[in-house]
Amino acid sequence: MRVLTSEKIQMNASENIHPKRKRRRALSDVGVWVASVIVFIFILCALLPGWIAPYGPTELFQDRTLQSPSLSHWMGTDHYGRDVLTMVIHGARDSLVIGFAAVAIGLFAGGLVGAIAGYAGGVIEGVLMRLIDILMAIPGVLLALVIALALGPSLQNLILAIAIAAIPGYARVIRGQVKSTKQRPYITASRAIGLNPIRTFKRHIMPNVYAPILVMATVGVGSSLLVGAGLSFLGLGVIKEIPDWGTLLSQGRNYLTVAWWTVTFPGLAITLFVLSINIVGDYLRDRLDPRRSI
């Protein structure tokens, strides 16, 4: 009579689970590759719109206003007679600038506050985190809306409003990471023997914070772009001859019943980009966080 030990049972179980896990990982990798390609295409459109768009952004076809999608206009034309595909491609520049710039500013400011609070501790941490708590008591979208209203409609003001609204969330995450890393034995030992605090922070604490920063930045771009599109839709965004995606939605909403394509394709661009960059962010989180790889 054969007796199965616990080790053999675990080995048999892992052999049965492994193929399923392998298939899930393969499907996940395919999804990430597709999402990465979509994000890359949008970034390419933002960098080289004149090379990719079929027409110029100011070119009007006044005899083809509100024309449905066709071979000459793949996404149709709007009420001005502009090619919608051209406007979506050119609108990618300001839309992506809003997303990436707001994250860069918000993450720098929030990360700085969170790092100082987590590493200094004591009274400094208490004061800084109480200020962050006050900002967090206000919903992020509402805070961005109020700041955008106060500053007035422009690309720079829109970016600044979204960045300020994002600071509290970044600050709390970075503070938690720094605080937990600071309590590790080798950090405590380095402080006990009198090593330079700045050197200790740069060499031993910062490398442990890079991973969550990268994940937050990736996911934050999509969130910032969504908020920016919403504020632009309300008329608080970019005032330019070449509108961003949110402004395109705002301009096309009055023609939704007779020309669905004027709203559908800018909305689809927003959805595709945000969904794709969130998939990339989730993948990075799973890869960089060892607790989620089990």
Foldseek 3Di string as FASTA:
>chain_A
DDDDDPVNVVVVVCVVVVVVVVVVVVVLVVLLVVLVVLLVVLVVLLVCVVVPAPDDLPDADCVQALPPADPVQNLGHHRRRGRLSSLQSNLSNLLLCLLQLLLVLLLVLLLVLLLCLLLVPDPSVVVSLVVLVVLVVDQLLVQLLVQLVVVFAASVSSSVSNSVSNSSVSSVVNNVQQNVQCPDPVNVVCVVVPDDSVVCCVPRRVVSRVLVSVLCSLLSSLVSSVSQLVCVLVVSYHDDSRHHLSVQLNSCVVCCVPRVSSNVVSVVSSVSNNVSSNSNSVVSCCVVDVVNVD
